[in-house]
């Protein structure tokens, strides 16, 4: 009996796969748990339509990520931090502070997407990678300045 898997089933198939399985396995295990449906023309059309919608959605996400990446490549984020003697930074600039600065500037980016191998501990310019999508990465310039103390 041909079935279309609606979810991943270990050692059987992945979601959307059409596979031949025994009738008892399908009727007694797959169908009651809604892991699969019979491979009828209507179900196959439904699966093809769902794949098409998913592909369009992914293309839109990639286009949005590329657009944001081009904006971030040209943007310089200025962060003001407290400093001590000789311009040494108290603490460090973390990915959360960079994400907060970007959000304040109108570029909402999750802090987990900001790739900082080590926290920024010095004043000046630093280039930070921002991974926006699988193959889309932006290079953000971060300018760390001393906060004016009263």
Protein backbone atom coordinates (compact mmCIF):
# COMPACT_ATOMS: atom_id res chain seq x y z
CA UNK A 1 0.00 0.00 0.00
CA UNK A 2 1.38 3.43 -0.96
CA UNK A 3 1.36 6.06 1.78
CA UNK A 4 2.52 9.66 2.13
CA UNK A 5 4.34 10.37 5.39
CA UNK A 6 2.97 13.39 7.26
CA UNK A 7 5.80 13.33 9.83
CA UNK A 8 9.28 11.83 10.01
CA UNK A 9 9.14 8.14 10.96
CA UNK A 10 12.48 6.63 12.03
CA UNK A 11 13.80 3.98 9.62
CA UNK A 12 10.75 4.41 7.34
CA UNK A 13 10.70 7.83 5.73
CA UNK A 14 10.67 11.59 6.08
CA UNK A 15 7.78 14.02 5.92
CA UNK A 16 6.40 14.20 2.38
CA UNK A 17 7.94 10.92 1.20
CA UNK A 18 5.76 8.48 -0.78
CA UNK A 19 6.59 4.90 0.10
CA UNK A 20 5.19 1.41 -0.21
CA UNK A 21 4.46 -0.20 3.20
CA UNK A 22 2.50 -3.24 4.27
CA UNK A 23 -1.24 -2.75 4.61
CA UNK A 24 -1.30 -3.89 8.25
CA UNK A 25 1.51 -1.53 9.25
CA UNK A 26 -0.27 1.38 7.60
CA UNK A 27 -3.73 0.56 8.97
CA UNK A 28 -2.65 -0.41 12.52
CA UNK A 29 0.28 1.92 13.19
CA UNK A 30 0.69 4.82 10.76
CA UNK A 31 -2.93 5.89 10.20
CA UNK A 32 -4.12 5.85 13.86
CA UNK A 33 -1.11 7.94 14.92
CA UNK A 34 -1.60 10.27 11.91
CA UNK A 35 1.96 9.65 10.79
CA UNK A 36 0.85 8.94 7.22
CA UNK A 37 -2.08 9.15 4.80
CA UNK A 38 -3.00 6.95 1.84
CA UNK A 39 -1.29 8.18 -1.35
CA UNK A 40 -4.37 9.41 -3.20
CA UNK A 41 -4.16 12.03 -5.98
CA UNK A 42 -5.76 14.63 -3.68
CA UNK A 43 -3.21 14.06 -0.92
CA UNK A 44 -0.34 14.18 -3.44
CA UNK A 45 -1.63 17.54 -4.77
CA UNK A 46 -1.90 18.83 -1.21
CA UNK A 47 1.70 17.81 -0.46
CA UNK A 48 2.96 19.41 -3.70
CA UNK A 49 1.11 22.63 -2.87
CA UNK A 50 2.54 22.68 0.67
CA UNK A 51 6.08 22.22 -0.69
CA UNK A 52 5.54 25.06 -3.15
CA UNK A 53 4.32 27.39 -0.38
CA UNK A 54 7.27 26.42 1.81
CA UNK A 55 9.70 27.11 -1.03
CA UNK A 56 8.17 30.57 -1.65
CA UNK A 57 8.32 31.38 2.06
CA UNK A 58 12.00 30.40 2.21
CA UNK A 59 12.79 32.54 -0.86
CA UNK A 60 11.10 35.52 0.83
CA UNK A 61 13.11 34.95 4.01
CA UNK A 62 16.36 34.79 2.00
CA UNK A 63 15.49 38.01 0.13
CA UNK A 64 14.68 39.80 3.40
CA UNK A 65 17.94 38.54 4.96
CA UNK A 66 19.98 39.73 1.97
CA UNK A 67 18.33 43.15 2.10
CA UNK A 68 19.07 43.47 5.83
CA UNK A 69 22.64 42.27 5.23
CA UNK A 70 23.25 44.98 2.64
CA UNK A 71 21.96 47.61 5.09
CA UNK A 72 24.08 46.26 7.97
CA UNK A 73 27.23 46.14 5.78
CA UNK A 74 26.96 49.91 5.32
CA UNK A 75 25.92 50.69 8.91
CA UNK A 76 28.30 51.62 11.74
CA UNK A 77 26.98 51.03 15.24
CA UNK A 78 28.29 53.37 17.93
CA UNK A 79 28.31 52.09 21.50
CA UNK A 80 29.27 54.20 24.50
CA UNK A 81 30.90 52.40 27.43
CA UNK A 82 32.41 53.41 30.75
CA UNK A 83 36.17 53.59 30.77
CA UNK A 84 38.83 53.89 33.41
CA UNK A 85 42.43 55.02 33.32
CA UNK A 86 44.23 54.88 29.99
CA UNK A 87 40.96 54.27 28.13
CA UNK A 88 40.45 50.77 29.49
CA UNK A 89 36.89 49.49 29.21
CA UNK A 90 35.06 48.44 32.38
CA UNK A 91 33.78 44.95 31.62
CA UNK A 92 33.23 44.21 27.95
CA UNK A 93 30.84 44.75 25.08
CA UNK A 94 28.77 41.59 24.57
CA UNK A 95 26.51 40.38 21.79
CA UNK A 96 23.49 41.43 23.86
CA UNK A 97 24.70 45.04 23.93
CA UNK A 98 25.31 44.93 20.18
CA UNK A 99 21.81 43.50 19.62
CA UNK A 100 20.27 46.19 21.86
CA UNK A 101 22.15 48.89 19.94
CA UNK A 102 20.94 47.50 16.63
CA UNK A 103 17.36 47.33 17.90
CA UNK A 104 17.56 50.97 19.02
CA UNK A 105 18.83 51.88 15.54
CA UNK A 106 15.88 50.12 13.91
CA UNK A 107 17.51 46.80 12.98
CA UNK A 108 16.02 44.11 15.23
CA UNK A 109 18.49 41.21 15.26
CA UNK A 110 18.50 38.33 17.72
CA UNK A 111 21.63 38.28 19.91
CA UNK A 112 22.20 34.62 19.00
CA UNK A 113 22.81 35.63 15.39
CA UNK A 114 25.67 37.95 16.33
CA UNK A 115 28.96 36.06 16.11
CA UNK A 116 31.40 37.39 18.70
CA UNK A 117 34.25 34.98 19.33
CA UNK A 118 35.39 37.08 22.30
CA UNK A 119 33.72 40.05 23.92
CA UNK A 120 34.99 43.46 22.79
CA UNK A 121 37.32 44.81 25.47
CA UNK A 122 38.89 47.80 23.76
CA UNK A 123 37.90 51.15 22.31
CA UNK A 124 37.82 51.71 18.57
CA UNK A 125 36.41 49.94 15.54
CA UNK A 126 35.66 46.23 15.45
CA UNK A 127 34.06 44.18 12.67
CA UNK A 128 31.40 41.75 13.88
CA UNK A 129 29.76 39.02 11.81
CA UNK A 130 25.96 38.80 11.90
CA UNK A 131 24.61 35.49 10.59
CA UNK A 132 21.14 36.32 9.27
CA UNK A 133 20.31 33.10 7.38
CA UNK A 134 22.06 29.88 6.30
CA UNK A 135 24.25 31.49 3.62
CA UNK A 136 23.65 35.18 4.41
CA UNK A 137 26.15 36.88 6.71
CA UNK A 138 26.66 40.60 7.21
CA UNK A 139 29.79 42.36 8.44
CA UNK A 140 28.80 45.03 10.96
CA UNK A 141 31.21 47.76 12.01
CA UNK A 142 31.00 48.50 15.75
CA UNK A 143 32.62 51.69 17.04
CA UNK A 144 33.17 51.55 20.80
CA UNK A 145 33.55 55.02 22.32
CA UNK A 146 34.25 56.25 25.80
CA UNK A 147 31.28 57.56 27.74
CA UNK A 148 31.78 61.16 28.80
CA UNK A 149 32.07 61.20 32.60
CA UNK A 150 30.73 64.22 34.48
